């Protein structure tokens, strides 16, 4: 194979990495130990997942009708 070949789901990885880079602590390499860097990534992904679940949940909840 020669030249550029697009991978089928590479956009998923790139989107995830861009979301991780929005986390201030992960934007620079502040960590000295690999396990603390891993913990920062896990914390950031937990926060992202929590925000997505909360946003999804708020769309599902039905509103009560206004009382007259």
Protein backbone atom coordinates (compact mmCIF):
# COMPACT_ATOMS: atom_id res chain seq x y z
CA UNK A 1 0.00 0.00 0.00
CA UNK A 2 1.28 3.43 -0.84
CA UNK A 3 -0.12 6.84 -0.05
CA UNK A 4 -2.75 7.90 2.43
CA UNK A 5 -5.31 5.35 3.57
CA UNK A 6 -8.12 6.55 5.83
CA UNK A 7 -8.88 4.27 8.73
CA UNK A 8 -12.60 3.59 9.17
CA UNK A 9 -13.12 4.75 12.77
CA UNK A 10 -10.13 6.97 13.41
CA UNK A 11 -12.45 9.93 14.00
CA UNK A 12 -13.64 8.29 17.23
CA UNK A 13 -10.12 8.27 18.63
CA UNK A 14 -9.42 11.83 17.49
CA UNK A 15 -12.69 13.08 18.99
CA UNK A 16 -11.90 11.40 22.31
CA UNK A 17 -8.41 12.89 22.39
CA UNK A 18 -9.76 16.36 21.63
CA UNK A 19 -12.24 16.03 24.49
CA UNK A 20 -9.45 14.98 26.81
CA UNK A 21 -7.36 18.00 25.79
CA UNK A 22 -10.15 20.32 26.98
CA UNK A 23 -9.21 19.20 30.49
CA UNK A 24 -6.71 21.77 31.79
CA UNK A 25 -4.60 19.26 33.67
CA UNK A 26 -4.13 17.09 30.61
CA UNK A 27 -3.25 19.94 28.24
CA UNK A 28 0.36 19.88 29.49
CA UNK A 29 2.52 17.07 30.79
CA UNK A 30 2.52 17.95 34.50
CA UNK A 31 2.61 14.39 35.79
CA UNK A 32 5.89 12.78 36.80
CA UNK A 33 4.59 9.27 37.35
CA UNK A 34 2.61 7.23 34.81
CA UNK A 35 -0.01 6.16 37.36
CA UNK A 36 -0.87 9.76 38.26
CA UNK A 37 -1.21 10.60 34.55
CA UNK A 38 -3.47 7.60 34.09
CA UNK A 39 -5.58 8.72 37.05
CA UNK A 40 -5.95 12.19 35.48
CA UNK A 41 -7.17 10.63 32.21
CA UNK A 42 -9.63 8.38 34.05
CA UNK A 43 -10.94 11.32 36.08
CA UNK A 44 -11.38 13.44 32.95
CA UNK A 45 -13.24 10.66 31.11
CA UNK A 46 -15.44 10.10 34.18
CA UNK A 47 -16.38 13.77 34.20
CA UNK A 48 -17.11 13.76 30.46
CA UNK A 49 -19.26 10.65 30.76
CA UNK A 50 -21.13 12.10 33.75
CA UNK A 51 -21.89 15.30 31.85
CA UNK A 52 -23.11 13.35 28.83
CA UNK A 53 -25.35 11.14 30.98
CA UNK A 54 -26.79 14.13 32.83
CA UNK A 55 -27.51 15.91 29.55
CA UNK A 56 -29.17 12.79 28.14
CA UNK A 57 -31.20 12.28 31.32
CA UNK A 58 -32.47 15.87 31.29
CA UNK A 59 -33.90 15.34 27.79
CA UNK A 60 -35.77 12.21 28.89
CA UNK A 61 -37.49 13.73 31.92
CA UNK A 62 -40.94 14.98 31.03
CA UNK A 63 -42.13 18.33 32.25
CA UNK A 64 -45.19 18.70 34.41
CA UNK A 65 -48.07 20.60 32.89
CA UNK A 66 -48.51 24.13 34.24
CA UNK A 67 -51.37 24.40 36.73
CA UNK A 68 -54.05 26.96 35.91
